[in-house]
Amino acid sequence: MRYYSQIPRQLRTGPWTLDELALLHAEGAIGANTPCESEDGATRIRYQEVVERGAAASSQPPPPLETVEATGLKPSLAQQAGADLKAISPHLFLPWQEFTSGRWLRQRRALAMAFVGLVPLAIIALGGAERIREAYWAVAIYFSILWGVFFYFSFPSPGVSKRDALYCFFGSALSCTLLLFIIYRFTPVQMFLPWVRSSSYLESWIGFVGAVGLAEELSKALILMLMFRKQDRITPQGMMFYGLMAGLGFGIYEGVGYQFQLNWRASEGSPEGYYLLNVLRLTSLPFLHAVWTGIAGYFIGVARLHPERKAGLWVVAIGVPAVLHGTYNTFSSNTLGLLVALFSVLTLHLYLSRNVELERLLRVK
C-alpha cells in the first residue's frame, strides 16, 4: 500500500511507500500528525497511524528477493541504467506535469525563489538592453523589494504599516531632491562643498560631513518628521523601520540618477570601474543610506516619547548619521570605508538593543 502526504496549505505529494514515508519523517519533511491518504483514496489517516499499520503488517515474512547470486545473471551497465531510469521516470516528469497543470502557481516558496533569482533575467529578456534607463529603475526596484522585505522581518515592530513604509520609501525618493536644493541654496552647508575635492583627508572629511552627510541626512530625517504627526503612536523601533525605508528610497533614487552622471566621471572612463560603481549604487549603498536614516529614525522616535529632550535628540538624530555618512564617503575607496560601513551597521543594532539604558538616562533630571 502506498500513501499520499498532504501538508496543510501545500500540494499533495506521493504516492509514497512506507519506507519512503519513514525517510520523509526522518528528514523533517512530514510530522507525526501529517494527513496521509491511501493511493486508492479509501483511507485517510495520520502518518503515525500509517506507521502502526505498517508495523503490524511487517510481522509477516516478506517474499524472497531475486539476487544476482540466486539467478546467476548479472545485467549489463546499459541494462541496469535502463532499468533504473524506468523505475524513476515517473518522478523525473513531476516538474513538467506540475508546470503544465498550473498547480505550481500555488507554490509560494517556489514563486518567491523564482522572483529573487530570475527578475534580473526577466529585465534583460523584456528589452533591458534597448531601454537602459527603464532597466536601471527595474533593477533598483528589485533590490529595494529585497532590502525592504529583509528589514521588515529583521526588525519586527507592532503597529508598523506597510502603506506608511511605502509612503516613506517613495516620499523620500521623490522629495529629497527638492529638500536638498533648498538646503544647498539657503543654508551655509554649501560653503563646505569645495572641500570635498581637497587632497587633504581632514579637509575632505569636513567637506563630506558638512556638505554631503549633513545635507542628505537632514533631508531624509525631514521626510520622517513630515510623514508622521505628533499624535501618531509609533515606537522608536517602528520609527527606525520607517527610517530604514526612507533611506532606502533616497539611496535607490540617488543610485539611478548617478548611473548616467557621476558614475562615469568617477570611474574616469573605465568600463570596469563604471560597472562596479553601478552595482554598488543599486545594492550596498542604498543599504547604507537605509542604516544611517534608521539611526536617525530611532532617535526621532525617542524624541517623540520625550519631547522635553527633543532638542538634543534631534541633534543626535542628524549628527550621528551625518558623521558616519561623511566618514564613509571620505574613505570609501579603501578598506577604512568598509570598516566605517560595518561600524554603521553595528551602531544601528547597538542603539536599538540598548534602548533601555537610554530610557534610564533620559529620565535623570
Protein backbone atom coordinates (compact mmCIF):
# COMPACT_ATOMS: atom_id res chain seq x y z
CA MET A 1 0.00 0.00 0.00
CA ARG A 2 1.26 3.47 -0.89
CA TYR A 3 0.11 6.80 0.55
CA TYR A 4 -0.07 10.45 -0.44
CA SER A 5 1.06 13.01 2.15
CA GLN A 6 -0.85 16.28 2.50
CA ILE A 7 0.89 19.07 4.41
CA PRO A 8 -1.60 21.89 5.15
CA ARG A 9 -1.59 24.71 2.55
CA GLN A 10 0.74 22.74 0.28
CA LEU A 11 0.27 20.41 -2.66
CA ARG A 12 -0.32 16.71 -2.09
CA THR A 13 2.81 14.65 -2.73
CA GLY A 14 3.36 10.96 -3.40
CA PRO A 15 2.33 8.26 -3.53
CA TRP A 16 4.97 7.02 -1.09
CA THR A 17 5.82 3.59 0.19
CA LEU A 18 6.10 3.05 3.94
CA ASP A 19 9.89 3.22 3.74
CA GLU A 20 9.71 6.48 1.78
CA LEU A 21 7.31 7.98 4.31
CA ALA A 22 9.70 6.98 7.09
CA LEU A 23 12.54 8.72 5.25
CA LEU A 24 10.45 11.89 4.82
CA HIS A 25 9.67 11.86 8.53
CA ALA A 26 13.33 11.37 9.44
CA GLU A 27 14.25 14.36 7.25
CA GLY A 28 11.59 16.51 8.92
CA ALA A 29 9.51 16.86 5.75
CA ILE A 30 6.40 15.44 7.45
CA GLY A 31 5.31 15.12 11.05
CA ALA A 32 3.53 12.50 13.11
CA ASN A 33 0.17 14.21 12.51
CA THR A 34 0.61 14.87 8.79
CA PRO A 35 -2.53 13.59 6.99
CA CYS A 36 -1.89 10.67 4.62
CA GLU A 37 -4.30 9.23 2.08
CA SER A 38 -4.08 5.78 0.58
CA GLU A 39 -3.40 5.52 -3.14
CA ASP A 40 -6.94 4.25 -3.83
CA GLY A 41 -8.43 7.14 -1.82
CA ALA A 42 -10.27 4.80 0.57
CA THR A 43 -8.26 5.58 3.72
CA ARG A 44 -7.23 8.92 5.20
CA ILE A 45 -5.16 8.69 8.39
CA ARG A 46 -2.28 10.37 10.17
CA TYR A 47 1.33 9.40 9.46
CA GLN A 48 1.65 7.86 12.95
CA GLU A 49 -1.23 5.51 12.20
CA VAL A 50 0.40 4.56 8.91
CA VAL A 51 3.50 3.58 10.88
CA GLU A 52 1.45 1.49 13.29
CA ARG A 53 -0.32 -0.32 10.46
CA GLY A 54 2.98 -0.90 8.70
CA ALA A 55 4.48 -2.37 11.88
CA ALA A 56 1.58 -4.80 12.14
CA ALA A 57 1.91 -5.83 8.52
CA SER A 58 5.66 -6.29 8.79
CA SER A 59 5.19 -9.22 11.19
CA GLN A 60 4.56 -11.38 8.10
CA PRO A 61 7.76 -12.55 6.36
CA PRO A 62 8.45 -10.65 3.11
CA PRO A 63 8.68 -12.59 -0.18
CA PRO A 64 12.22 -13.61 -1.16
CA LEU A 65 14.11 -11.19 -3.43
CA GLU A 66 15.86 -12.33 -6.56
CA THR A 67 19.56 -11.67 -6.29
CA VAL A 68 22.47 -11.98 -8.66
CA GLU A 69 23.71 -14.99 -6.71
CA ALA A 70 20.30 -16.71 -6.93
CA THR A 71 19.76 -16.19 -10.65
CA GLY A 72 23.35 -16.36 -11.77
CA LEU A 73 22.67 -13.44 -14.15
CA LYS A 74 24.36 -10.05 -13.99
CA PRO A 75 22.79 -7.26 -16.06
CA SER A 76 24.98 -5.12 -18.27
CA LEU A 77 25.61 -1.48 -17.43
CA ALA A 78 23.18 -0.38 -20.15
CA GLN A 79 20.50 -2.78 -18.90
CA GLN A 80 20.97 -1.65 -15.31
CA ALA A 81 20.83 2.03 -16.29
CA GLY A 82 17.71 1.41 -18.38
CA ALA A 83 16.01 -0.40 -15.52
CA ASP A 84 16.96 2.38 -13.10
CA LEU A 85 15.65 5.12 -15.42
CA LYS A 86 12.41 3.20 -15.98
CA ALA A 87 11.94 2.93 -12.22
CA ILE A 88 12.44 6.64 -11.56
CA SER A 89 10.86 8.02 -14.75
CA PRO A 90 7.54 8.93 -13.03
CA HIS A 91 9.49 11.13 -10.64
CA LEU A 92 11.56 12.74 -13.39
CA PHE A 93 8.43 14.01 -15.15
CA LEU A 94 6.95 15.57 -12.00
CA PRO A 95 8.20 19.13 -12.77
CA TRP A 96 6.70 19.07 -16.26
CA GLN A 97 3.40 17.67 -15.00
CA GLU A 98 3.27 20.27 -12.26
CA PHE A 99 4.13 23.11 -14.65
CA THR A 100 1.55 22.16 -17.28
CA SER A 101 -1.18 21.61 -14.66
CA GLY A 102 -0.81 25.15 -13.29
CA ARG A 103 -0.77 23.91 -9.69
CA TRP A 104 2.71 25.40 -9.27
CA LEU A 105 1.08 28.83 -9.06
CA ARG A 106 0.09 27.88 -5.50
CA GLN A 107 3.69 27.09 -4.52
CA ARG A 108 4.56 30.27 -2.65
CA ARG A 109 8.08 29.22 -1.76
CA ALA A 110 8.89 28.31 -5.37
CA LEU A 111 7.44 31.61 -6.62
CA ALA A 112 9.44 33.57 -4.03
CA MET A 113 12.65 31.81 -5.07
CA ALA A 114 11.85 32.45 -8.73
CA PHE A 115 11.29 36.14 -8.05
CA VAL A 116 14.54 36.55 -6.13
CA GLY A 117 16.62 34.72 -8.69
CA LEU A 118 15.01 35.49 -12.03
CA VAL A 119 13.86 39.12 -12.00
CA PRO A 120 17.20 40.42 -13.39
CA LEU A 121 16.95 37.87 -16.22
CA ALA A 122 13.37 38.97 -16.87
CA ILE A 123 14.52 42.58 -17.13
CA ILE A 124 17.01 41.61 -19.83
CA ALA A 125 14.50 39.38 -21.63
CA LEU A 126 11.92 42.17 -21.73
CA GLY A 127 14.20 44.56 -23.56
CA GLY A 128 16.53 45.90 -20.88
CA ALA A 129 19.42 46.40 -23.29
CA GLU A 130 17.37 48.66 -25.55
CA ARG A 131 15.62 50.54 -22.73
CA ILE A 132 18.52 51.04 -20.39
CA ARG A 133 17.03 53.75 -18.15
CA GLU A 134 13.89 51.69 -17.50
CA ALA A 135 16.09 48.67 -16.87
CA TYR A 136 18.09 50.57 -14.24
CA TRP A 137 14.88 51.55 -12.50
CA ALA A 138 13.59 47.97 -12.65
CA VAL A 139 16.79 46.66 -11.09
CA ALA A 140 16.63 49.40 -8.44
CA ILE A 141 13.06 48.50 -7.51
CA TYR A 142 14.03 44.82 -7.44
CA PHE A 143 16.80 45.40 -4.89
CA SER A 144 14.53 47.76 -2.95
CA ILE A 145 11.97 44.99 -2.51
CA LEU A 146 14.65 42.58 -1.33
CA TRP A 147 16.03 45.05 1.22
CA GLY A 148 12.54 46.11 2.29
CA VAL A 149 11.44 42.53 2.98
CA PHE A 150 14.70 41.91 4.81
CA PHE A 151 14.17 44.96 7.04
CA TYR A 152 10.53 44.04 7.67
CA PHE A 153 11.38 40.60 9.03
CA SER A 154 14.66 41.60 10.70
CA PHE A 155 13.15 44.47 12.71
CA PRO A 156 9.60 43.37 13.57
CA SER A 157 7.66 46.16 15.24
CA PRO A 158 4.00 46.08 16.31
CA GLY A 159 1.91 48.68 14.56
CA VAL A 160 4.18 49.17 11.55
CA SER A 161 2.10 49.86 8.46
CA LYS A 162 3.22 48.60 5.07
CA ARG A 163 1.40 51.51 3.48
CA ASP A 164 3.31 54.03 5.58
CA ALA A 165 6.53 52.20 4.75
CA LEU A 166 5.79 52.66 1.04
CA TYR A 167 4.99 56.34 1.68
CA CYS A 168 8.38 56.75 3.38
CA PHE A 169 10.17 54.98 0.54
CA PHE A 170 8.58 56.93 -2.32
CA GLY A 171 8.27 60.15 -0.31
CA SER A 172 11.99 60.16 0.30
CA ALA A 173 12.80 59.24 -3.30
CA LEU A 174 10.60 61.98 -4.73
CA SER A 175 11.05 64.77 -2.18
CA CYS A 176 14.71 64.70 -1.18
CA THR A 177 15.85 66.34 -4.42
CA LEU A 178 13.73 69.39 -3.62
CA LEU A 179 14.79 69.40 0.01
CA LEU A 180 18.46 69.14 -0.93
CA PHE A 181 18.06 72.04 -3.35
CA ILE A 182 16.56 74.17 -0.56
CA ILE A 183 19.29 73.16 1.90
CA TYR A 184 22.12 73.92 -0.52
CA ARG A 185 20.50 77.15 -1.70
CA PHE A 186 19.52 78.70 1.62
CA THR A 187 21.80 77.21 4.30
CA PRO A 188 25.54 77.58 4.98
CA VAL A 189 26.34 73.90 4.18
CA GLN A 190 27.14 74.86 0.58
CA MET A 191 30.34 76.55 1.78
CA PHE A 192 31.79 73.09 2.52
CA LEU A 193 31.20 71.65 -0.96
CA PRO A 194 34.59 72.70 -2.44
CA TRP A 195 36.35 70.94 0.45
CA VAL A 196 35.10 67.57 -0.78
CA ARG A 197 37.71 67.55 -3.56
CA SER A 198 40.59 68.54 -1.31
CA SER A 199 43.73 66.37 -1.32
CA SER A 200 43.82 66.68 2.48
CA TYR A 201 41.91 63.90 4.23
CA LEU A 202 40.94 66.28 7.03
CA GLU A 203 39.51 68.93 4.72
CA SER A 204 37.84 66.27 2.57
CA TRP A 205 36.27 64.73 5.69
CA ILE A 206 34.96 68.11 6.86
CA GLY A 207 33.51 68.71 3.40
CA PHE A 208 31.83 65.32 3.19
CA VAL A 209 30.39 65.56 6.72
CA GLY A 210 29.30 69.18 6.47
CA ALA A 211 28.14 69.39 2.87
CA VAL A 212 27.07 65.83 1.98
CA GLY A 213 26.34 63.93 5.18
CA LEU A 214 24.60 66.78 7.00
CA ALA A 215 22.52 67.87 3.99
CA GLU A 216 21.39 64.40 2.95
CA GLU A 217 20.69 63.08 6.46
CA LEU A 218 18.76 66.25 7.32
CA SER A 219 16.61 65.92 4.20
CA LYS A 220 15.84 62.25 4.91
CA ALA A 221 15.01 62.98 8.55
CA LEU A 222 12.67 65.80 7.49
CA ILE A 223 10.71 63.25 5.47
CA LEU A 224 10.04 61.32 8.69
CA MET A 225 9.00 64.48 10.50
CA LEU A 226 6.63 65.46 7.69
CA MET A 227 5.21 61.95 7.34
CA PHE A 228 4.04 61.46 10.90
CA ARG A 229 2.01 63.69 13.18
CA LYS A 230 2.59 64.13 16.86
CA GLN A 231 -0.48 62.10 17.75
CA ASP A 232 0.73 59.06 15.80
CA ARG A 233 1.72 56.40 18.32
CA ILE A 234 4.92 54.95 16.89
CA THR A 235 7.63 53.29 18.95
CA PRO A 236 11.31 54.15 18.43
CA GLN A 237 11.74 50.76 16.78
CA GLY A 238 8.84 51.47 14.45
CA MET A 239 10.24 54.88 13.57
CA MET A 240 13.60 53.22 12.95
CA PHE A 241 11.94 50.89 10.43
CA TYR A 242 10.34 53.85 8.66
CA GLY A 243 13.77 55.49 8.65
CA LEU A 244 15.22 52.40 7.01
CA MET A 245 12.60 52.62 4.27
CA ALA A 246 13.10 56.38 3.77
CA GLY A 247 16.86 55.92 3.49
CA LEU A 248 16.38 53.04 1.08
CA GLY A 249 14.16 55.16 -1.17
CA PHE A 250 16.67 58.01 -1.17
CA GLY A 251 19.58 55.66 -1.89
CA ILE A 252 17.81 53.99 -4.79
CA TYR A 253 16.80 57.31 -6.36
CA GLU A 254 20.31 58.66 -5.97
CA GLY A 255 21.80 55.45 -7.33
CA VAL A 256 19.75 55.50 -10.52
CA GLY A 257 20.49 59.20 -11.04
CA TYR A 258 24.22 58.56 -10.76
CA GLN A 259 24.14 55.85 -13.45
CA PHE A 260 24.14 58.47 -16.19
CA GLN A 261 26.11 61.23 -14.49
CA LEU A 262 28.67 60.93 -11.72
CA ASN A 263 29.48 57.24 -12.07
CA TRP A 264 31.08 57.64 -15.49
CA ARG A 265 33.10 60.64 -14.40
CA ALA A 266 34.10 58.98 -11.11
CA SER A 267 35.29 55.89 -12.98
CA GLU A 268 37.45 58.11 -15.22
CA GLY A 269 36.13 56.44 -18.35
CA SER A 270 36.97 52.90 -17.22
CA PRO A 271 34.18 50.45 -18.22
CA GLU A 272 35.16 48.12 -15.37
CA GLY A 273 35.03 50.91 -12.80
CA TYR A 274 31.76 52.22 -14.23
CA TYR A 275 30.19 48.77 -13.95
CA LEU A 276 31.38 48.36 -10.36
CA LEU A 277 30.04 51.77 -9.33
CA ASN A 278 26.68 50.97 -10.91
CA VAL A 279 26.43 47.71 -8.98
CA LEU A 280 27.32 49.45 -5.70
CA ARG A 281 24.82 52.25 -6.34
CA LEU A 282 21.97 49.75 -6.68
CA THR A 283 22.90 47.30 -3.91
CA SER A 284 25.06 48.15 -0.89
CA LEU A 285 24.94 51.95 -0.99
CA PRO A 286 21.12 52.12 -0.69
CA PHE A 287 21.50 49.70 2.22
CA LEU A 288 23.94 52.09 3.91
CA HIS A 289 21.61 55.04 3.34
CA ALA A 290 18.89 52.96 4.99
CA VAL A 291 21.12 52.19 8.00
CA TRP A 292 22.03 55.85 8.53
CA THR A 293 18.41 57.01 8.28
CA GLY A 294 17.36 54.10 10.50
CA ILE A 295 19.62 55.53 13.23
CA ALA A 296 18.01 58.93 12.71
CA GLY A 297 14.54 57.38 12.84
CA TYR A 298 15.34 55.65 16.12
CA PHE A 299 16.34 58.88 17.88
CA ILE A 300 13.40 60.75 16.32
CA GLY A 301 11.13 58.07 17.78
CA VAL A 302 12.75 58.52 21.20
CA ALA A 303 12.30 62.29 20.90
CA ARG A 304 8.57 61.77 20.34
CA LEU A 305 8.40 59.92 23.66
CA HIS A 306 10.49 62.53 25.47
CA PRO A 307 9.55 65.92 24.00
CA GLU A 308 11.35 67.67 26.85
CA ARG A 309 14.61 66.24 25.44
CA LYS A 310 13.82 66.64 21.75
CA ALA A 311 16.43 69.34 21.04
CA GLY A 312 19.36 67.16 21.98
CA LEU A 313 17.83 64.03 20.49
CA TRP A 314 17.28 65.77 17.16
CA VAL A 315 20.91 66.93 17.13
CA VAL A 316 21.95 63.31 17.68
CA ALA A 317 19.45 62.04 15.07
CA ILE A 318 21.07 64.21 12.40
CA GLY A 319 24.62 64.43 13.70
CA VAL A 320 25.49 60.76 14.20
CA PRO A 321 24.31 59.62 10.73
CA ALA A 322 25.93 62.68 9.12
CA VAL A 323 29.32 61.88 10.67
CA LEU A 324 29.07 58.20 9.69
CA HIS A 325 27.92 59.15 6.20
CA GLY A 326 30.66 61.71 5.64
CA THR A 327 33.36 59.47 7.08
CA TYR A 328 32.36 56.63 4.80
CA ASN A 329 32.42 58.92 1.75
CA THR A 330 35.89 60.17 2.68
CA PHE A 331 37.40 56.69 2.86
CA SER A 332 35.05 54.75 0.53
CA SER A 333 37.85 53.87 -1.87
CA ASN A 334 39.85 51.87 0.68
CA THR A 335 39.42 49.32 3.48
CA LEU A 336 38.73 52.01 6.08
CA GLY A 337 35.50 52.81 4.26
CA LEU A 338 34.39 49.20 4.67
CA LEU A 339 35.15 49.39 8.40
CA VAL A 340 33.07 52.58 8.68
CA ALA A 341 30.19 50.81 6.90
CA LEU A 342 30.47 47.86 9.30
CA PHE A 343 30.60 50.26 12.26
CA SER A 344 27.42 51.94 10.96
CA VAL A 345 25.55 48.64 10.97
CA LEU A 346 26.78 47.82 14.47
CA THR A 347 25.78 51.29 15.65
CA LEU A 348 22.21 50.77 14.46
CA HIS A 349 21.90 47.44 16.26
CA LEU A 350 23.58 48.60 19.46
CA TYR A 351 21.39 51.68 19.82
CA LEU A 352 18.29 49.55 19.35
CA SER A 353 19.37 46.72 21.65
CA ARG A 354 20.44 49.11 24.45
CA ASN A 355 17.37 51.35 24.34
CA VAL A 356 16.53 50.59 27.98
CA GLU A 357 19.77 52.28 29.08
CA LEU A 358 18.89 55.36 27.01
CA GLU A 359 15.44 55.48 28.60
CA ARG A 360 17.03 55.43 32.05
CA LEU A 361 19.43 58.25 31.14
CA LEU A 362 16.61 60.39 29.74
CA ARG A 363 14.66 60.12 32.99
CA VAL A 364 17.53 61.57 35.01
CA LYS A 365 16.84 65.25 35.73
